[in-house]
PDB file of N, CA and C in Angstrom:
ATOM      1  N   UNK A   1      -2.459   7.395  38.798  1.00  0.00           N
ATOM      2  CA  UNK A   1      -3.126   8.663  38.622  1.00  0.00           C
ATOM      3  C   UNK A   1      -3.490   8.821  37.154  1.00  0.00           C
ATOM      4  N   UNK A   2      -4.703   9.254  36.900  1.00  0.00           N
ATOM      5  CA  UNK A   2      -5.147   9.475  35.528  1.00  0.00           C
ATOM      6  C   UNK A   2      -4.385  10.642  34.933  1.00  0.00           C
ATOM      7  N   UNK A   3      -4.097  10.556  33.649  1.00  0.00           N
ATOM      8  CA  UNK A   3      -3.366  11.613  32.975  1.00  0.00           C
ATOM      9  C   UNK A   3      -4.270  12.822  32.775  1.00  0.00           C
ATOM     10  N   UNK A   4      -3.813  13.977  33.213  1.00  0.00           N
ATOM     11  CA  UNK A   4      -4.583  15.213  33.111  1.00  0.00           C
ATOM     12  C   UNK A   4      -3.783  16.199  32.281  1.00  0.00           C
ATOM     13  N   UNK A   5      -4.408  16.875  31.356  1.00  0.00           N
ATOM     14  CA  UNK A   5      -3.716  17.897  30.565  1.00  0.00           C
ATOM     15  C   UNK A   5      -4.182  19.274  31.018  1.00  0.00           C
ATOM     16  N   UNK A   6      -3.464  20.296  30.586  1.00  0.00           N
ATOM     17  CA  UNK A   6      -3.818  21.654  30.962  1.00  0.00           C
ATOM     18  C   UNK A   6      -5.202  22.018  30.412  1.00  0.00           C
ATOM     19  N   UNK A   7      -5.628  21.349  29.351  1.00  0.00           N
ATOM     20  CA  UNK A   7      -6.943  21.610  28.775  1.00  0.00           C
ATOM     21  C   UNK A   7      -8.069  21.150  29.695  1.00  0.00           C
ATOM     22  N   UNK A   8      -7.745  20.282  30.654  1.00  0.00           N
ATOM     23  CA  UNK A   8      -8.738  19.803  31.606  1.00  0.00           C
ATOM     24  C   UNK A   8      -8.961  20.769  32.762  1.00  0.00           C
ATOM     25  N   UNK A   9      -8.102  21.775  32.863  1.00  0.00           N
ATOM     26  CA  UNK A   9      -8.206  22.723  33.968  1.00  0.00           C
ATOM     27  C   UNK A   9      -9.255  23.776  33.626  1.00  0.00           C
ATOM     28  N   UNK A  10     -10.211  23.971  34.532  1.00  0.00           N
ATOM     29  CA  UNK A  10     -11.255  24.959  34.301  1.00  0.00           C
ATOM     30  C   UNK A  10     -10.707  26.361  34.543  1.00  0.00           C
ATOM     31  N   UNK A  11     -11.274  27.353  33.854  1.00  0.00           N
ATOM     32  CA  UNK A  11     -10.866  28.735  34.030  1.00  0.00           C
ATOM     33  C   UNK A  11     -11.038  29.130  35.491  1.00  0.00           C
ATOM     34  N   UNK A  12     -10.009  29.733  36.046  1.00  0.00           N
ATOM     35  CA  UNK A  12     -10.064  30.146  37.446  1.00  0.00           C
ATOM     36  C   UNK A  12      -9.772  29.013  38.408  1.00  0.00           C
ATOM     37  N   UNK A  13      -9.368  27.890  37.892  1.00  0.00           N
ATOM     38  CA  UNK A  13      -9.090  26.731  38.728  1.00  0.00           C
ATOM     39  C   UNK A  13      -7.888  27.001  39.635  1.00  0.00           C
ATOM     40  N   UNK A  14      -7.977  26.586  40.845  1.00  0.00           N
ATOM     41  CA  UNK A  14      -6.899  26.742  41.807  1.00  0.00           C
ATOM     42  C   UNK A  14      -6.358  25.363  42.149  1.00  0.00           C
ATOM     43  N   UNK A  15      -5.063  25.209  42.012  1.00  0.00           N
ATOM     44  CA  UNK A  15      -4.418  23.961  42.418  1.00  0.00           C
ATOM     45  C   UNK A  15      -4.148  24.096  43.911  1.00  0.00           C
ATOM     46  N   UNK A  16      -4.910  23.369  44.707  1.00  0.00           N
ATOM     47  CA  UNK A  16      -4.836  23.559  46.156  1.00  0.00           C
ATOM     48  C   UNK A  16      -4.141  22.426  46.900  1.00  0.00           C
ATOM     49  N   UNK A  17      -3.477  21.546  46.156  1.00  0.00           N
ATOM     50  CA  UNK A  17      -2.733  20.482  46.816  1.00  0.00           C
ATOM     51  C   UNK A  17      -1.239  20.706  46.588  1.00  0.00           C
ATOM     52  N   UNK A  18      -0.419  20.496  47.620  1.00  0.00           N
ATOM     53  CA  UNK A  18       1.022  20.682  47.444  1.00  0.00           C
ATOM     54  C   UNK A  18       1.547  19.787  46.323  1.00  0.00           C
ATOM     55  N   UNK A  19       2.326  20.379  45.442  1.00  0.00           N
ATOM     56  CA  UNK A  19       2.874  19.617  44.329  1.00  0.00           C
ATOM     57  C   UNK A  19       1.837  19.273  43.290  1.00  0.00           C
ATOM     58  N   UNK A  20       0.644  19.832  43.420  1.00  0.00           N
ATOM     59  CA  UNK A  20      -0.465  19.486  42.546  1.00  0.00           C
ATOM     60  C   UNK A  20      -0.269  19.875  41.101  1.00  0.00           C
ATOM     61  N   UNK A  21       0.509  20.928  40.835  1.00  0.00           N
ATOM     62  CA  UNK A  21       0.694  21.373  39.461  1.00  0.00           C
ATOM     63  C   UNK A  21       1.444  20.337  38.636  1.00  0.00           C
ATOM     64  N   UNK A  22       2.182  19.455  39.303  1.00  0.00           N
ATOM     65  CA  UNK A  22       2.929  18.426  38.591  1.00  0.00           C
ATOM     66  C   UNK A  22       1.998  17.476  37.841  1.00  0.00           C
ATOM     67  N   UNK A  23       0.753  17.381  38.294  1.00  0.00           N
ATOM     68  CA  UNK A  23      -0.197  16.470  37.677  1.00  0.00           C
ATOM     69  C   UNK A  23      -0.688  16.969  36.316  1.00  0.00           C
ATOM     70  N   UNK A  24      -0.443  18.258  35.999  1.00  0.00           N
ATOM     71  CA  UNK A  24      -0.948  18.833  34.764  1.00  0.00           C
ATOM     72  C   UNK A  24       0.156  18.920  33.724  1.00  0.00           C
ATOM     73  N   UNK A  25      -0.149  18.468  32.538  1.00  0.00           N
ATOM     74  CA  UNK A  25       0.834  18.500  31.444  1.00  0.00           C
ATOM     75  C   UNK A  25       0.821  19.892  30.832  1.00  0.00           C
ATOM     76  N   UNK A  26       1.641  20.762  31.383  1.00  0.00           N
ATOM     77  CA  UNK A  26       1.611  22.157  30.978  1.00  0.00           C
ATOM     78  C   UNK A  26       2.233  22.402  29.604  1.00  0.00           C
ATOM     79  N   UNK A  27       2.860  21.397  29.035  1.00  0.00           N
ATOM     80  CA  UNK A  27       3.467  21.569  27.727  1.00  0.00           C
ATOM     81  C   UNK A  27       2.499  21.343  26.579  1.00  0.00           C
ATOM     82  N   UNK A  28       1.253  21.084  26.858  1.00  0.00           N
ATOM     83  CA  UNK A  28       0.283  20.767  25.812  1.00  0.00           C
ATOM     84  C   UNK A  28       0.003  21.923  24.860  1.00  0.00           C
ATOM     85  N   UNK A  29       0.161  23.148  25.289  1.00  0.00           N
ATOM     86  CA  UNK A  29      -0.268  24.275  24.475  1.00  0.00           C
ATOM     87  C   UNK A  29       0.877  24.996  23.777  1.00  0.00           C
ATOM     88  N   UNK A  30       2.065  24.465  23.828  1.00  0.00           N
ATOM     89  CA  UNK A  30       3.189  25.166  23.204  1.00  0.00           C
ATOM     90  C   UNK A  30       3.093  25.089  21.674  1.00  0.00           C
ATOM     91  N   UNK A  31       3.752  26.048  21.020  1.00  0.00           N
ATOM     92  CA  UNK A  31       3.781  26.063  19.558  1.00  0.00           C
ATOM     93  C   UNK A  31       5.158  25.671  19.030  1.00  0.00           C
ATOM     94  N   UNK A  32       6.175  25.688  19.917  1.00  0.00           N
ATOM     95  CA  UNK A  32       7.521  25.295  19.525  1.00  0.00           C
ATOM     96  C   UNK A  32       8.075  24.340  20.568  1.00  0.00           C
ATOM     97  N   UNK A  33       9.046  23.566  20.152  1.00  0.00           N
ATOM     98  CA  UNK A  33       9.697  22.673  21.099  1.00  0.00           C
ATOM     99  C   UNK A  33      11.201  22.773  20.894  1.00  0.00           C
ATOM    100  N   UNK A  34      11.981  22.542  21.972  1.00  0.00           N
ATOM    101  CA  UNK A  34      13.426  22.597  21.832  1.00  0.00           C
ATOM    102  C   UNK A  34      13.958  21.289  21.248  1.00  0.00           C
ATOM    103  N   UNK A  35      14.865  21.421  20.315  1.00  0.00           N
ATOM    104  CA  UNK A  35      15.563  20.263  19.762  1.00  0.00           C
ATOM    105  C   UNK A  35      16.986  20.335  20.305  1.00  0.00           C
ATOM    106  N   UNK A  36      17.397  19.289  20.965  1.00  0.00           N
ATOM    107  CA  UNK A  36      18.666  19.261  21.683  1.00  0.00           C
ATOM    108  C   UNK A  36      19.714  18.502  20.881  1.00  0.00           C
ATOM    109  N   UNK A  37      20.889  19.106  20.710  1.00  0.00           N
ATOM    110  CA  UNK A  37      22.008  18.474  20.009  1.00  0.00           C
ATOM    111  C   UNK A  37      23.089  18.152  21.040  1.00  0.00           C
ATOM    112  N   UNK A  38      23.132  16.911  21.459  1.00  0.00           N
ATOM    113  CA  UNK A  38      24.065  16.497  22.519  1.00  0.00           C
ATOM    114  C   UNK A  38      25.525  16.721  22.119  1.00  0.00           C
ATOM    115  N   UNK A  39      25.821  16.667  20.826  1.00  0.00           N
ATOM    116  CA  UNK A  39      27.200  16.858  20.371  1.00  0.00           C
ATOM    117  C   UNK A  39      27.704  18.278  20.647  1.00  0.00           C
ATOM    118  N   UNK A  40      26.800  19.233  20.749  1.00  0.00           N
ATOM    119  CA  UNK A  40      27.188  20.623  21.015  1.00  0.00           C
ATOM    120  C   UNK A  40      27.169  20.949  22.504  1.00  0.00           C
ATOM    121  N   UNK A  41      26.619  20.074  23.313  1.00  0.00           N
ATOM    122  CA  UNK A  41      26.470  20.311  24.755  1.00  0.00           C
ATOM    123  C   UNK A  41      27.816  20.113  25.471  1.00  0.00           C
ATOM    124  N   UNK A  42      28.131  21.052  26.372  1.00  0.00           N
ATOM    125  CA  UNK A  42      29.361  20.948  27.154  1.00  0.00           C
ATOM    126  C   UNK A  42      29.038  20.653  28.635  1.00  0.00           C
ATOM    127  N   UNK A  43      27.790  20.270  28.897  1.00  0.00           N
ATOM    128  CA  UNK A  43      27.343  19.866  30.234  1.00  0.00           C
ATOM    129  C   UNK A  43      27.479  20.992  31.264  1.00  0.00           C
ATOM    130  N   UNK A  44      27.260  22.230  30.850  1.00  0.00           N
ATOM    131  CA  UNK A  44      27.396  23.359  31.779  1.00  0.00           C
ATOM    132  C   UNK A  44      26.178  23.507  32.684  1.00  0.00           C
ATOM    133  N   UNK A  45      25.006  23.045  32.243  1.00  0.00           N
ATOM    134  CA  UNK A  45      23.805  23.110  33.060  1.00  0.00           C
ATOM    135  C   UNK A  45      23.091  24.452  33.035  1.00  0.00           C
ATOM    136  N   UNK A  46      23.511  25.368  32.171  1.00  0.00           N
ATOM    137  CA  UNK A  46      22.861  26.682  32.101  1.00  0.00           C
ATOM    138  C   UNK A  46      21.387  26.528  31.719  1.00  0.00           C
ATOM    139  N   UNK A  47      21.076  25.662  30.785  1.00  0.00           N
ATOM    140  CA  UNK A  47      19.686  25.443  30.372  1.00  0.00           C
ATOM    141  C   UNK A  47      18.849  24.968  31.555  1.00  0.00           C
ATOM    142  N   UNK A  48      19.425  24.093  32.346  1.00  0.00           N
ATOM    143  CA  UNK A  48      18.748  23.567  33.536  1.00  0.00           C
ATOM    144  C   UNK A  48      18.459  24.693  34.535  1.00  0.00           C
ATOM    145  N   UNK A  49      19.433  25.565  34.722  1.00  0.00           N
ATOM    146  CA  UNK A  49      19.268  26.659  35.683  1.00  0.00           C
ATOM    147  C   UNK A  49      18.216  27.668  35.247  1.00  0.00           C
ATOM    148  N   UNK A  50      18.120  27.929  33.947  1.00  0.00           N
ATOM    149  CA  UNK A  50      17.223  28.969  33.468  1.00  0.00           C
ATOM    150  C   UNK A  50      15.825  28.475  33.119  1.00  0.00           C
ATOM    151  N   UNK A  51      15.616  27.174  33.000  1.00  0.00           N
ATOM    152  CA  UNK A  51      14.290  26.667  32.626  1.00  0.00           C
ATOM    153  C   UNK A  51      13.272  27.019  33.713  1.00  0.00           C
ATOM    154  N   UNK A  52      12.267  27.847  33.375  1.00  0.00           N
ATOM    155  CA  UNK A  52      11.298  28.264  34.392  1.00  0.00           C
ATOM    156  C   UNK A  52      10.309  27.164  34.791  1.00  0.00           C
ATOM    157  N   UNK A  53      10.259  26.101  34.025  1.00  0.00           N
ATOM    158  CA  UNK A  53       9.294  25.036  34.292  1.00  0.00           C
ATOM    159  C   UNK A  53       9.924  23.760  34.821  1.00  0.00           C
ATOM    160  N   UNK A  54      11.228  23.794  35.070  1.00  0.00           N
ATOM    161  CA  UNK A  54      11.948  22.586  35.507  1.00  0.00           C
ATOM    162  C   UNK A  54      11.704  21.429  34.549  1.00  0.00           C
ATOM    163  N   UNK A  55      11.610  21.759  33.271  1.00  0.00           N
ATOM    164  CA  UNK A  55      11.367  20.732  32.263  1.00  0.00           C
ATOM    165  C   UNK A  55      12.665  20.111  31.763  1.00  0.00           C
ATOM    166  N   UNK A  56      13.795  20.684  32.153  1.00  0.00           N
ATOM    167  CA  UNK A  56      15.087  20.144  31.731  1.00  0.00           C
ATOM    168  C   UNK A  56      15.705  19.409  32.912  1.00  0.00           C
ATOM    169  N   UNK A  57      16.066  18.179  32.678  1.00  0.00           N
ATOM    170  CA  UNK A  57      16.667  17.339  33.715  1.00  0.00           C
ATOM    171  C   UNK A  57      18.100  17.003  33.320  1.00  0.00           C
ATOM    172  N   UNK A  58      18.979  16.924  34.302  1.00  0.00           N
ATOM    173  CA  UNK A  58      20.354  16.516  34.046  1.00  0.00           C
ATOM    174  C   UNK A  58      20.456  15.022  34.317  1.00  0.00           C
ATOM    175  N   UNK A  59      20.938  14.306  33.315  1.00  0.00           N
ATOM    176  CA  UNK A  59      21.076  12.859  33.435  1.00  0.00           C
ATOM    177  C   UNK A  59      22.374  12.522  34.166  1.00  0.00           C
ATOM    178  N   UNK A  60      22.552  11.277  34.525  1.00  0.00           N
ATOM    179  CA  UNK A  60      23.746  10.848  35.261  1.00  0.00           C
ATOM    180  C   UNK A  60      25.033  11.124  34.501  1.00  0.00           C
ATOM    181  N   UNK A  61      24.982  11.090  33.176  1.00  0.00           N
ATOM    182  CA  UNK A  61      26.190  11.337  32.385  1.00  0.00           C
ATOM    183  C   UNK A  61      26.482  12.822  32.189  1.00  0.00           C
ATOM    184  N   UNK A  62      25.640  13.700  32.758  1.00  0.00           N
ATOM    185  CA  UNK A  62      25.864  15.137  32.675  1.00  0.00           C
ATOM    186  C   UNK A  62      25.140  15.815  31.529  1.00  0.00           C
ATOM    187  N   UNK A  63      24.680  15.050  30.569  1.00  0.00           N
ATOM    188  CA  UNK A  63      23.894  15.639  29.491  1.00  0.00           C
ATOM    189  C   UNK A  63      22.473  15.874  29.998  1.00  0.00           C
ATOM    190  N   UNK A  64      21.674  16.538  29.199  1.00  0.00           N
ATOM    191  CA  UNK A  64      20.338  16.884  29.658  1.00  0.00           C
ATOM    192  C   UNK A  64      19.280  16.219  28.791  1.00  0.00           C
ATOM    193  N   UNK A  65      18.075  16.204  29.305  1.00  0.00           N
ATOM    194  CA  UNK A  65      16.910  15.768  28.541  1.00  0.00           C
ATOM    195  C   UNK A  65      15.757  16.696  28.872  1.00  0.00           C
ATOM    196  N   UNK A  66      14.881  16.879  27.897  1.00  0.00           N
ATOM    197  CA  UNK A  66      13.744  17.766  28.063  1.00  0.00           C
ATOM    198  C   UNK A  66      12.495  16.934  28.268  1.00  0.00           C
ATOM    199  N   UNK A  67      11.767  17.243  29.326  1.00  0.00           N
ATOM    200  CA  UNK A  67      10.484  16.595  29.569  1.00  0.00           C
ATOM    201  C   UNK A  67       9.420  17.399  28.835  1.00  0.00           C
ATOM    202  N   UNK A  68       9.013  16.916  27.681  1.00  0.00           N
ATOM    203  CA  UNK A  68       8.103  17.679  26.835  1.00  0.00           C
ATOM    204  C   UNK A  68       6.681  17.750  27.389  1.00  0.00           C
ATOM    205  N   UNK A  69       6.381  16.982  28.421  1.00  0.00           N
ATOM    206  CA  UNK A  69       5.073  17.125  29.067  1.00  0.00           C
ATOM    207  C   UNK A  69       4.978  18.464  29.804  1.00  0.00           C
ATOM    208  N   UNK A  70       6.128  19.010  30.207  1.00  0.00           N
ATOM    209  CA  UNK A  70       6.118  20.243  30.988  1.00  0.00           C
ATOM    210  C   UNK A  70       6.764  21.424  30.280  1.00  0.00           C
ATOM    211  N   UNK A  71       7.500  21.190  29.208  1.00  0.00           N
ATOM    212  CA  UNK A  71       8.136  22.279  28.455  1.00  0.00           C
ATOM    213  C   UNK A  71       7.060  23.094  27.747  1.00  0.00           C
ATOM    214  N   UNK A  72       7.055  24.408  27.977  1.00  0.00           N
ATOM    215  CA  UNK A  72       6.074  25.286  27.356  1.00  0.00           C
ATOM    216  C   UNK A  72       6.593  25.902  26.063  1.00  0.00           C
ATOM    217  N   UNK A  73       7.827  25.578  25.690  1.00  0.00           N
ATOM    218  CA  UNK A  73       8.374  26.083  24.434  1.00  0.00           C
ATOM    219  C   UNK A  73       8.744  27.547  24.490  1.00  0.00           C
ATOM    220  N   UNK A  74       9.138  28.038  25.645  1.00  0.00           N
ATOM    221  CA  UNK A  74       9.457  29.467  25.791  1.00  0.00           C
ATOM    222  C   UNK A  74      10.745  29.850  25.073  1.00  0.00           C
ATOM    223  N   UNK A  75      11.660  28.904  24.903  1.00  0.00           N
ATOM    224  CA  UNK A  75      12.900  29.175  24.180  1.00  0.00           C
ATOM    225  C   UNK A  75      14.026  29.743  25.025  1.00  0.00           C
ATOM    226  N   UNK A  76      13.834  29.840  26.324  1.00  0.00           N
ATOM    227  CA  UNK A  76      14.894  30.365  27.187  1.00  0.00           C
ATOM    228  C   UNK A  76      16.136  29.467  27.110  1.00  0.00           C
ATOM    229  N   UNK A  77      15.947  28.177  27.061  1.00  0.00           N
ATOM    230  CA  UNK A  77      17.093  27.262  26.967  1.00  0.00           C
ATOM    231  C   UNK A  77      17.913  27.555  25.709  1.00  0.00           C
ATOM    232  N   UNK A  78      17.241  27.791  24.590  1.00  0.00           N
ATOM    233  CA  UNK A  78      17.940  28.072  23.335  1.00  0.00           C
ATOM    234  C   UNK A  78      18.643  29.424  23.396  1.00  0.00           C
ATOM    235  N   UNK A  79      18.019  30.382  24.052  1.00  0.00           N
ATOM    236  CA  UNK A  79      18.617  31.722  24.152  1.00  0.00           C
ATOM    237  C   UNK A  79      19.827  31.719  25.071  1.00  0.00           C
ATOM    238  N   UNK A  80      19.765  30.980  26.158  1.00  0.00           N
ATOM    239  CA  UNK A  80      20.842  30.993  27.145  1.00  0.00           C
ATOM    240  C   UNK A  80      21.972  30.030  26.824  1.00  0.00           C
ATOM    241  N   UNK A  81      21.750  29.030  26.006  1.00  0.00           N
ATOM    242  CA  UNK A  81      22.798  28.060  25.685  1.00  0.00           C
ATOM    243  C   UNK A  81      23.846  28.705  24.785  1.00  0.00           C
ATOM    244  N   UNK A  82      25.020  28.889  25.318  1.00  0.00           N
ATOM    245  CA  UNK A  82      26.070  29.599  24.577  1.00  0.00           C
ATOM    246  C   UNK A  82      26.771  28.712  23.546  1.00  0.00           C
ATOM    247  N   UNK A  83      26.515  27.404  23.546  1.00  0.00           N
ATOM    248  CA  UNK A  83      27.101  26.534  22.525  1.00  0.00           C
ATOM    249  C   UNK A  83      26.114  26.222  21.400  1.00  0.00           C
ATOM    250  N   UNK A  84      24.873  26.655  21.549  1.00  0.00           N
ATOM    251  CA  UNK A  84      23.874  26.407  20.516  1.00  0.00           C
ATOM    252  C   UNK A  84      23.359  24.979  20.502  1.00  0.00           C
ATOM    253  N   UNK A  85      23.362  24.332  21.658  1.00  0.00           N
ATOM    254  CA  UNK A  85      22.898  22.946  21.727  1.00  0.00           C
ATOM    255  C   UNK A  85      21.381  22.834  21.593  1.00  0.00           C
ATOM    256  N   UNK A  86      20.672  23.934  21.790  1.00  0.00           N
ATOM    257  CA  UNK A  86      19.210  23.927  21.654  1.00  0.00           C
ATOM    258  C   UNK A  86      18.806  24.802  20.486  1.00  0.00           C
ATOM    259  N   UNK A  87      17.830  24.300  19.747  1.00  0.00           N
ATOM    260  CA  UNK A  87      17.245  25.073  18.666  1.00  0.00           C
ATOM    261  C   UNK A  87      15.734  24.899  18.768  1.00  0.00           C
ATOM    262  N   UNK A  88      15.008  25.979  18.674  1.00  0.00           N
ATOM    263  CA  UNK A  88      13.554  25.892  18.768  1.00  0.00           C
ATOM    264  C   UNK A  88      12.987  25.585  17.382  1.00  0.00           C
ATOM    265  N   UNK A  89      12.101  24.601  17.341  1.00  0.00           N
ATOM    266  CA  UNK A  89      11.465  24.185  16.090  1.00  0.00           C
ATOM    267  C   UNK A  89       9.953  24.254  16.257  1.00  0.00           C
ATOM    268  N   UNK A  90       9.255  24.619  15.196  1.00  0.00           N
ATOM    269  CA  UNK A  90       7.793  24.618  15.268  1.00  0.00           C
ATOM    270  C   UNK A  90       7.283  23.212  15.585  1.00  0.00           C
ATOM    271  N   UNK A  91       6.265  23.158  16.392  1.00  0.00           N
ATOM    272  CA  UNK A  91       5.677  21.875  16.750  1.00  0.00           C
ATOM    273  C   UNK A  91       5.173  21.173  15.502  1.00  0.00           C
ATOM    274  N   UNK A  92       5.441  19.910  15.409  1.00  0.00           N
ATOM    275  CA  UNK A  92       5.019  19.139  14.255  1.00  0.00           C
ATOM    276  C   UNK A  92       6.138  18.914  13.265  1.00  0.00           C
ATOM    277  N   UNK A  93       7.191  19.735  13.345  1.00  0.00           N
ATOM    278  CA  UNK A  93       8.330  19.528  12.463  1.00  0.00           C
ATOM    279  C   UNK A  93       9.069  18.290  12.923  1.00  0.00           C
ATOM    280  N   UNK A  94       9.466  17.485  12.005  1.00  0.00           N
ATOM    281  CA  UNK A  94      10.123  16.219  12.334  1.00  0.00           C
ATOM    282  C   UNK A  94      11.409  16.438  13.104  1.00  0.00           C
ATOM    283  N   UNK A  95      11.670  15.533  14.042  1.00  0.00           N
ATOM    284  CA  UNK A  95      12.931  15.555  14.771  1.00  0.00           C
ATOM    285  C   UNK A  95      14.036  15.138  13.827  1.00  0.00           C
ATOM    286  N   UNK A  96      15.190  15.764  14.011  1.00  0.00           N
ATOM    287  CA  UNK A  96      16.345  15.414  13.177  1.00  0.00           C
ATOM    288  C   UNK A  96      17.107  14.296  13.815  1.00  0.00           C
TER     289      UNK A  96
END
C-alpha cells in the first residue's frame, strides 16, 4: 500500500472502508511529540488506556512504545502518567 499522509486527505473526505483510517498518518500535523523515559515507567499501562489514537503499544516486556505515525501530540499520556515517564517536547527538538 502506498504511504498516505493526512495532508493527502481532501477537505470533507469520508473514509468509507472499514479500518480505512489506519492508512492515514494522522501524526503528521502535530507540534509536539512525547519523549518516553523507560527508566521511569512502572508498566502500569495508563498511557495505553488513555491514548485516544491507539498510538501507544505495549511491548512483550511490558514497556511501551509510541507509534509516531499516529500520535497527534495531544499530551494525554504525559498528563496521565503518574511517574512522569512521558514528557512533551516541541517537534524538531533532539531526542535525548
